[in-house]
Each structure stands twice: as structure tokens, then as C-alpha cells.
Amino acid sequence: MRWVFRWIVRGSGETRPLDVYDVAFLAGGPRHVVDSAVTALHQRELLVVQSAQVHAVEGRQPLHPVERAMVVFCRRPTGIELVRAVLERSPEVEEIGRGLATWGLVAGGERQMTPAGRRHLQEARLDPRMLEYVFPHRTPRWEGAAPRPAGQSRRRSGGNRRHGGPGPGLDSDTHSGGE
């Protein structure tokens, strides 16, 4: 029965907006979804990354399922490679792949991008509101991050956007439901 649903959805012409983690999956697969979540949480100071260790910060809970899974998994300092290995196979990341397959954007066991997926990814690349770290063209900002000196606050700039500056009506929490 599932294949019938997929065919109906694909043939219906319906679309749904892709969130940051859908685009990350299209751009680089499950591992890139995890790296994007680390980057997002690190930028929002909900996760600390030091010396290849990741540790969640007590406080607000993110709304996106992938981010919640990350925070729960990283309650204690955890090596980034273990975080990647476990979370890229987590139900939350798998659900992103299943959703993209249902919409005809990826196919097969390896979740290879379809022509429709490539079109959506290209549209996302051109969207000035899309967060820069979603595209795996460079090392994530948190890799090799040195701890901040005590008493020094983190500067906040809108420079995390692909085309510089925040896009209209979107902030860095857009992908997590606008905490």
C-alpha cells in the first residue's frame, strides 16, 4: 500500500517546503544532516564543541527532532565521530530520508538524489535565506573550534547566510520551528 501513496503524492503535483535538514540531506546525506545540526546548535550556543568533543548545554530544548536527538545524545561530552556514527543512523535522520523518498526527491536504498531532488537543491542554493552551512562546500565552522576565553562573549552577526546578512523574515532558528 505504501507504493500507492508514493505514486499518488508524486503524481499530485503537491509540494511542501523543505526545511534546513531536508536540504542538508539532499546536499550531503545523513552525515551532513548531523554536521548541520551540530553547526546550528553550536551557533545558538546549545552545544559546545571543543577538541573533537561535543557537549549539550543545559537550557532550552530545540524543536526539530534531529536537534532534540543531538541534545539528548550529547548530555555528556561525546566524541564527534561517535556522534556522527550514531545520529546519522538515528530514526530522526532516517525519517528525513524516508520523507524525501516519499516526495520523490531521493530513491533507492542509498537515497540517491532524483532529478526532482536536484532541482529542489538548486532552488535552495539560490535562496538567499538558506543557511550557508547546509551546503557541504567547506569545513563546518565548529571543526577545530577553540574554546572562547573566559568572560568573552560570542559575537553575533548575520553572516551565516549564503549571500551574507539575514534574509527577509528568517532567523537562525527557522529550521527548528522558530523556538
C-alpha atoms as a PDB file:
ATOM      1  CA  MET A   1       0.000   0.000   0.000  1.00  0.00           C
ATOM      2  CA  ARG A   2       2.926   2.340   0.658  1.00  0.00           C
ATOM      3  CA  TRP A   3       3.945   2.428  -3.017  1.00  0.00           C
ATOM      4  CA  VAL A   4       0.427   3.572  -3.930  1.00  0.00           C
ATOM      5  CA  PHE A   5       0.734   6.501  -1.525  1.00  0.00           C
ATOM      6  CA  ARG A   6       4.091   7.463  -3.019  1.00  0.00           C
ATOM      7  CA  TRP A   7       2.690   7.369  -6.532  1.00  0.00           C
ATOM      8  CA  ILE A   8      -0.303   9.498  -5.552  1.00  0.00           C
ATOM      9  CA  VAL A   9       1.894  12.066  -3.826  1.00  0.00           C
ATOM     10  CA  ARG A  10       4.350  12.226  -6.733  1.00  0.00           C
ATOM     11  CA  GLY A  11       1.601  12.476  -9.303  1.00  0.00           C
ATOM     12  CA  SER A  12      -0.440  15.033  -7.392  1.00  0.00           C
ATOM     13  CA  GLY A  13       1.889  17.921  -8.133  1.00  0.00           C
ATOM     14  CA  GLU A  14       1.772  18.873  -4.449  1.00  0.00           C
ATOM     15  CA  THR A  15       4.867  20.327  -2.903  1.00  0.00           C
ATOM     16  CA  ARG A  16       5.908  21.088   0.622  1.00  0.00           C
ATOM     17  CA  PRO A  17       8.607  23.429   1.817  1.00  0.00           C
ATOM     18  CA  LEU A  18      11.930  21.777   2.541  1.00  0.00           C
ATOM     19  CA  ASP A  19      13.480  22.631   5.886  1.00  0.00           C
ATOM     20  CA  VAL A  20      17.178  23.086   6.519  1.00  0.00           C
ATOM     21  CA  TYR A  21      17.717  19.413   7.331  1.00  0.00           C
ATOM     22  CA  ASP A  22      15.885  18.236   4.194  1.00  0.00           C
ATOM     23  CA  VAL A  23      18.235  20.424   2.139  1.00  0.00           C
ATOM     24  CA  ALA A  24      21.246  19.173   4.138  1.00  0.00           C
ATOM     25  CA  PHE A  25      20.222  15.574   3.368  1.00  0.00           C
ATOM     26  CA  LEU A  26      19.944  16.373  -0.339  1.00  0.00           C
ATOM     27  CA  ALA A  27      23.263  18.225  -0.293  1.00  0.00           C
ATOM     28  CA  GLY A  28      25.316  15.642   1.571  1.00  0.00           C
ATOM     29  CA  GLY A  29      23.289  12.767   3.010  1.00  0.00           C
ATOM     30  CA  PRO A  30      22.782  11.681   6.627  1.00  0.00           C
ATOM     31  CA  ARG A  31      26.270  12.655   7.781  1.00  0.00           C
ATOM     32  CA  HIS A  32      25.752  16.184   6.556  1.00  0.00           C
ATOM     33  CA  VAL A  33      22.432  16.381   8.410  1.00  0.00           C
ATOM     34  CA  VAL A  34      24.330  15.597  11.612  1.00  0.00           C
ATOM     35  CA  ASP A  35      27.078  18.140  10.850  1.00  0.00           C
ATOM     36  CA  SER A  36      24.415  20.756  10.080  1.00  0.00           C
ATOM     37  CA  ALA A  37      22.688  20.043  13.405  1.00  0.00           C
ATOM     38  CA  VAL A  38      25.985  20.400  15.274  1.00  0.00           C
ATOM     39  CA  THR A  39      26.614  23.692  13.479  1.00  0.00           C
ATOM     40  CA  ALA A  40      23.115  25.023  14.158  1.00  0.00           C
ATOM     41  CA  LEU A  41      23.188  24.082  17.837  1.00  0.00           C
ATOM     42  CA  HIS A  42      26.728  25.396  18.249  1.00  0.00           C
ATOM     43  CA  GLN A  43      25.777  28.736  16.681  1.00  0.00           C
ATOM     44  CA  ARG A  44      22.776  29.014  19.000  1.00  0.00           C
ATOM     45  CA  GLU A  45      25.029  28.100  21.955  1.00  0.00           C
ATOM     46  CA  LEU A  46      23.037  24.959  22.777  1.00  0.00           C
ATOM     47  CA  LEU A  47      26.062  22.777  22.061  1.00  0.00           C
ATOM     48  CA  VAL A  48      29.737  23.232  22.876  1.00  0.00           C
ATOM     49  CA  VAL A  49      32.358  21.784  20.542  1.00  0.00           C
ATOM     50  CA  GLN A  50      35.907  21.513  21.916  1.00  0.00           C
ATOM     51  CA  SER A  51      38.774  19.249  20.978  1.00  0.00           C
ATOM     52  CA  ALA A  52      36.567  16.940  18.879  1.00  0.00           C
ATOM     53  CA  GLN A  53      34.144  16.585  21.809  1.00  0.00           C
ATOM     54  CA  VAL A  54      30.506  17.671  21.675  1.00  0.00           C
ATOM     55  CA  HIS A  55      28.517  18.542  24.788  1.00  0.00           C
ATOM     56  CA  ALA A  56      24.956  19.850  25.094  1.00  0.00           C
ATOM     57  CA  VAL A  57      24.342  22.941  27.199  1.00  0.00           C
ATOM     58  CA  GLU A  58      21.559  22.872  29.783  1.00  0.00           C
ATOM     59  CA  GLY A  59      18.646  25.115  28.966  1.00  0.00           C
ATOM     60  CA  ARG A  60      16.279  25.480  26.061  1.00  0.00           C
ATOM     61  CA  GLN A  61      15.303  22.402  24.143  1.00  0.00           C
ATOM     62  CA  PRO A  62      15.316  22.696  20.353  1.00  0.00           C
ATOM     63  CA  LEU A  63      12.106  21.920  18.483  1.00  0.00           C
ATOM     64  CA  HIS A  64      13.452  19.978  15.496  1.00  0.00           C
ATOM     65  CA  PRO A  65      13.604  16.186  16.123  1.00  0.00           C
ATOM     66  CA  VAL A  66      17.204  15.869  14.851  1.00  0.00           C
ATOM     67  CA  GLU A  67      18.355  18.646  17.181  1.00  0.00           C
ATOM     68  CA  ARG A  68      16.490  17.125  20.146  1.00  0.00           C
ATOM     69  CA  ALA A  69      18.156  13.760  19.472  1.00  0.00           C
ATOM     70  CA  MET A  70      21.540  15.505  19.342  1.00  0.00           C
ATOM     71  CA  VAL A  71      20.987  17.271  22.668  1.00  0.00           C
ATOM     72  CA  VAL A  72      19.858  14.053  24.370  1.00  0.00           C
ATOM     73  CA  PHE A  73      22.782  12.060  22.966  1.00  0.00           C
ATOM     74  CA  CYS A  74      25.343  14.697  23.936  1.00  0.00           C
ATOM     75  CA  ARG A  75      24.349  15.288  27.561  1.00  0.00           C
ATOM     76  CA  ARG A  76      27.876  14.213  28.441  1.00  0.00           C
ATOM     77  CA  PRO A  77      30.939  15.127  26.360  1.00  0.00           C
ATOM     78  CA  THR A  78      30.976  12.782  23.387  1.00  0.00           C
ATOM     79  CA  GLY A  79      33.451  12.421  20.536  1.00  0.00           C
ATOM     80  CA  ILE A  80      32.251  13.941  17.271  1.00  0.00           C
ATOM     81  CA  GLU A  81      32.927  10.749  15.310  1.00  0.00           C
ATOM     82  CA  LEU A  82      30.691   8.761  17.686  1.00  0.00           C
ATOM     83  CA  VAL A  83      28.012  11.461  17.423  1.00  0.00           C
ATOM     84  CA  ARG A  84      28.162  11.229  13.637  1.00  0.00           C
ATOM     85  CA  ALA A  85      28.144   7.428  13.580  1.00  0.00           C
ATOM     86  CA  VAL A  86      25.148   7.110  15.886  1.00  0.00           C
ATOM     87  CA  LEU A  87      22.992  10.031  14.816  1.00  0.00           C
ATOM     88  CA  GLU A  88      23.317   9.577  11.067  1.00  0.00           C
ATOM     89  CA  ARG A  89      21.571   6.220  11.615  1.00  0.00           C
ATOM     90  CA  SER A  90      19.056   7.591  14.109  1.00  0.00           C
ATOM     91  CA  PRO A  91      15.305   7.340  13.495  1.00  0.00           C
ATOM     92  CA  GLU A  92      15.129  11.135  13.242  1.00  0.00           C
ATOM     93  CA  VAL A  93      17.635  11.301  10.363  1.00  0.00           C
ATOM     94  CA  GLU A  94      16.180   8.179   8.747  1.00  0.00           C
ATOM     95  CA  GLU A  95      12.779   9.873   8.799  1.00  0.00           C
ATOM     96  CA  ILE A  96      14.185  12.744   6.736  1.00  0.00           C
ATOM     97  CA  GLY A  97      15.375  10.239   4.110  1.00  0.00           C
ATOM     98  CA  ARG A  98      12.007   8.469   4.109  1.00  0.00           C
ATOM     99  CA  GLY A  99      10.182  11.764   3.717  1.00  0.00           C
ATOM    100  CA  LEU A 100      12.383  12.820   0.812  1.00  0.00           C
ATOM    101  CA  ALA A 101      11.827   9.406  -0.801  1.00  0.00           C
ATOM    102  CA  THR A 102       8.069   9.763  -0.360  1.00  0.00           C
ATOM    103  CA  TRP A 103       8.207  13.101  -2.163  1.00  0.00           C
ATOM    104  CA  GLY A 104      10.335  11.592  -4.947  1.00  0.00           C
ATOM    105  CA  LEU A 105      13.452  13.638  -4.171  1.00  0.00           C
ATOM    106  CA  VAL A 106      15.676  10.635  -3.360  1.00  0.00           C
ATOM    107  CA  ALA A 107      15.398   6.998  -4.426  1.00  0.00           C
ATOM    108  CA  GLY A 108      16.853   3.599  -3.680  1.00  0.00           C
ATOM    109  CA  GLY A 109      18.485   2.144  -0.598  1.00  0.00           C
ATOM    110  CA  GLU A 110      21.358   4.606  -0.870  1.00  0.00           C
ATOM    111  CA  ARG A 111      18.906   7.523  -1.100  1.00  0.00           C
ATOM    112  CA  GLN A 112      20.383   8.845  -4.340  1.00  0.00           C
ATOM    113  CA  MET A 113      19.047  12.200  -5.439  1.00  0.00           C
ATOM    114  CA  THR A 114      16.491  12.148  -8.255  1.00  0.00           C
ATOM    115  CA  PRO A 115      16.212  14.841 -10.938  1.00  0.00           C
ATOM    116  CA  ALA A 116      13.438  16.432  -8.848  1.00  0.00           C
ATOM    117  CA  GLY A 117      15.766  16.379  -5.832  1.00  0.00           C
ATOM    118  CA  ARG A 118      18.492  18.095  -7.850  1.00  0.00           C
ATOM    119  CA  ARG A 119      16.024  20.804  -8.905  1.00  0.00           C
ATOM    120  CA  HIS A 120      14.984  21.396  -5.293  1.00  0.00           C
ATOM    121  CA  LEU A 121      18.604  21.524  -4.159  1.00  0.00           C
ATOM    122  CA  GLN A 122      19.444  24.027  -6.895  1.00  0.00           C
ATOM    123  CA  GLU A 123      16.494  26.192  -5.837  1.00  0.00           C
ATOM    124  CA  ALA A 124      17.721  26.058  -2.237  1.00  0.00           C
ATOM    125  CA  ARG A 125      21.239  27.102  -3.331  1.00  0.00           C
ATOM    126  CA  LEU A 126      19.747  30.180  -4.995  1.00  0.00           C
ATOM    127  CA  ASP A 127      17.594  31.097  -1.994  1.00  0.00           C
ATOM    128  CA  PRO A 128      19.357  33.925  -0.112  1.00  0.00           C
ATOM    129  CA  ARG A 129      17.534  32.891   3.081  1.00  0.00           C
ATOM    130  CA  MET A 130      19.063  29.404   3.153  1.00  0.00           C
ATOM    131  CA  LEU A 131      21.710  28.949   5.822  1.00  0.00           C
ATOM    132  CA  GLU A 132      25.239  28.665   4.428  1.00  0.00           C
ATOM    133  CA  TYR A 133      26.321  25.618   6.441  1.00  0.00           C
ATOM    134  CA  VAL A 134      23.659  23.438   4.806  1.00  0.00           C
ATOM    135  CA  PHE A 135      25.832  23.132   1.710  1.00  0.00           C
ATOM    136  CA  PRO A 136      28.909  20.917   2.284  1.00  0.00           C
ATOM    137  CA  HIS A 137      31.312  23.057   0.273  1.00  0.00           C
ATOM    138  CA  ARG A 138      33.598  23.745   3.211  1.00  0.00           C
ATOM    139  CA  THR A 139      34.541  22.631   6.703  1.00  0.00           C
ATOM    140  CA  PRO A 140      31.889  23.338   9.337  1.00  0.00           C
ATOM    141  CA  ARG A 141      32.664  26.409  11.471  1.00  0.00           C
ATOM    142  CA  TRP A 142      32.805  24.358  14.644  1.00  0.00           C
ATOM    143  CA  GLU A 143      35.515  21.954  13.441  1.00  0.00           C
ATOM    144  CA  GLY A 144      38.743  22.920  15.122  1.00  0.00           C
ATOM    145  CA  ALA A 145      36.904  25.491  17.223  1.00  0.00           C
ATOM    146  CA  ALA A 146      38.968  26.734  20.116  1.00  0.00           C
ATOM    147  CA  PRO A 147      37.270  27.462  23.422  1.00  0.00           C
ATOM    148  CA  ARG A 148      36.362  31.113  23.985  1.00  0.00           C
ATOM    149  CA  PRO A 149      38.468  32.898  26.587  1.00  0.00           C
ATOM    150  CA  ALA A 150      36.634  33.257  29.906  1.00  0.00           C
ATOM    151  CA  GLY A 151      34.453  36.334  30.120  1.00  0.00           C
ATOM    152  CA  GLN A 152      34.430  36.938  26.373  1.00  0.00           C
ATOM    153  CA  SER A 153      31.023  36.799  24.747  1.00  0.00           C
ATOM    154  CA  ARG A 154      30.408  35.434  21.313  1.00  0.00           C
ATOM    155  CA  ARG A 155      29.803  37.996  18.595  1.00  0.00           C
ATOM    156  CA  ARG A 156      26.587  37.558  16.719  1.00  0.00           C
ATOM    157  CA  SER A 157      26.461  38.597  13.131  1.00  0.00           C
ATOM    158  CA  GLY A 158      24.089  37.805  10.331  1.00  0.00           C
ATOM    159  CA  GLY A 159      26.986  36.413   8.320  1.00  0.00           C
ATOM    160  CA  ASN A 160      25.852  32.809   8.493  1.00  0.00           C
ATOM    161  CA  ARG A 161      23.749  33.258   5.384  1.00  0.00           C
ATOM    162  CA  ARG A 162      24.878  32.116   1.973  1.00  0.00           C
ATOM    163  CA  HIS A 163      24.649  35.583   0.464  1.00  0.00           C
ATOM    164  CA  GLY A 164      25.556  37.497   3.610  1.00  0.00           C
ATOM    165  CA  GLY A 165      23.190  39.026   6.107  1.00  0.00           C
ATOM    166  CA  PRO A 166      19.909  37.662   7.305  1.00  0.00           C
ATOM    167  CA  GLY A 167      17.234  37.030   4.730  1.00  0.00           C
ATOM    168  CA  PRO A 168      13.863  38.664   4.943  1.00  0.00           C
ATOM    169  CA  GLY A 169      11.804  37.263   7.783  1.00  0.00           C
ATOM    170  CA  LEU A 170      14.100  34.352   8.567  1.00  0.00           C
ATOM    171  CA  ASP A 171      16.410  33.978  11.516  1.00  0.00           C
ATOM    172  CA  SER A 172      18.800  31.228  12.554  1.00  0.00           C
ATOM    173  CA  ASP A 173      16.007  29.317  14.319  1.00  0.00           C
ATOM    174  CA  THR A 174      13.822  28.934  11.226  1.00  0.00           C
ATOM    175  CA  HIS A 175      14.765  25.297  10.753  1.00  0.00           C
ATOM    176  CA  SER A 176      13.803  24.360  14.284  1.00  0.00           C
ATOM    177  CA  GLY A 177      10.325  25.734  14.251  1.00  0.00           C
ATOM    178  CA  GLY A 178      11.246  29.227  15.437  1.00  0.00           C
ATOM    179  CA  GLU A 179      11.906  28.400  19.084  1.00  0.00           C
END
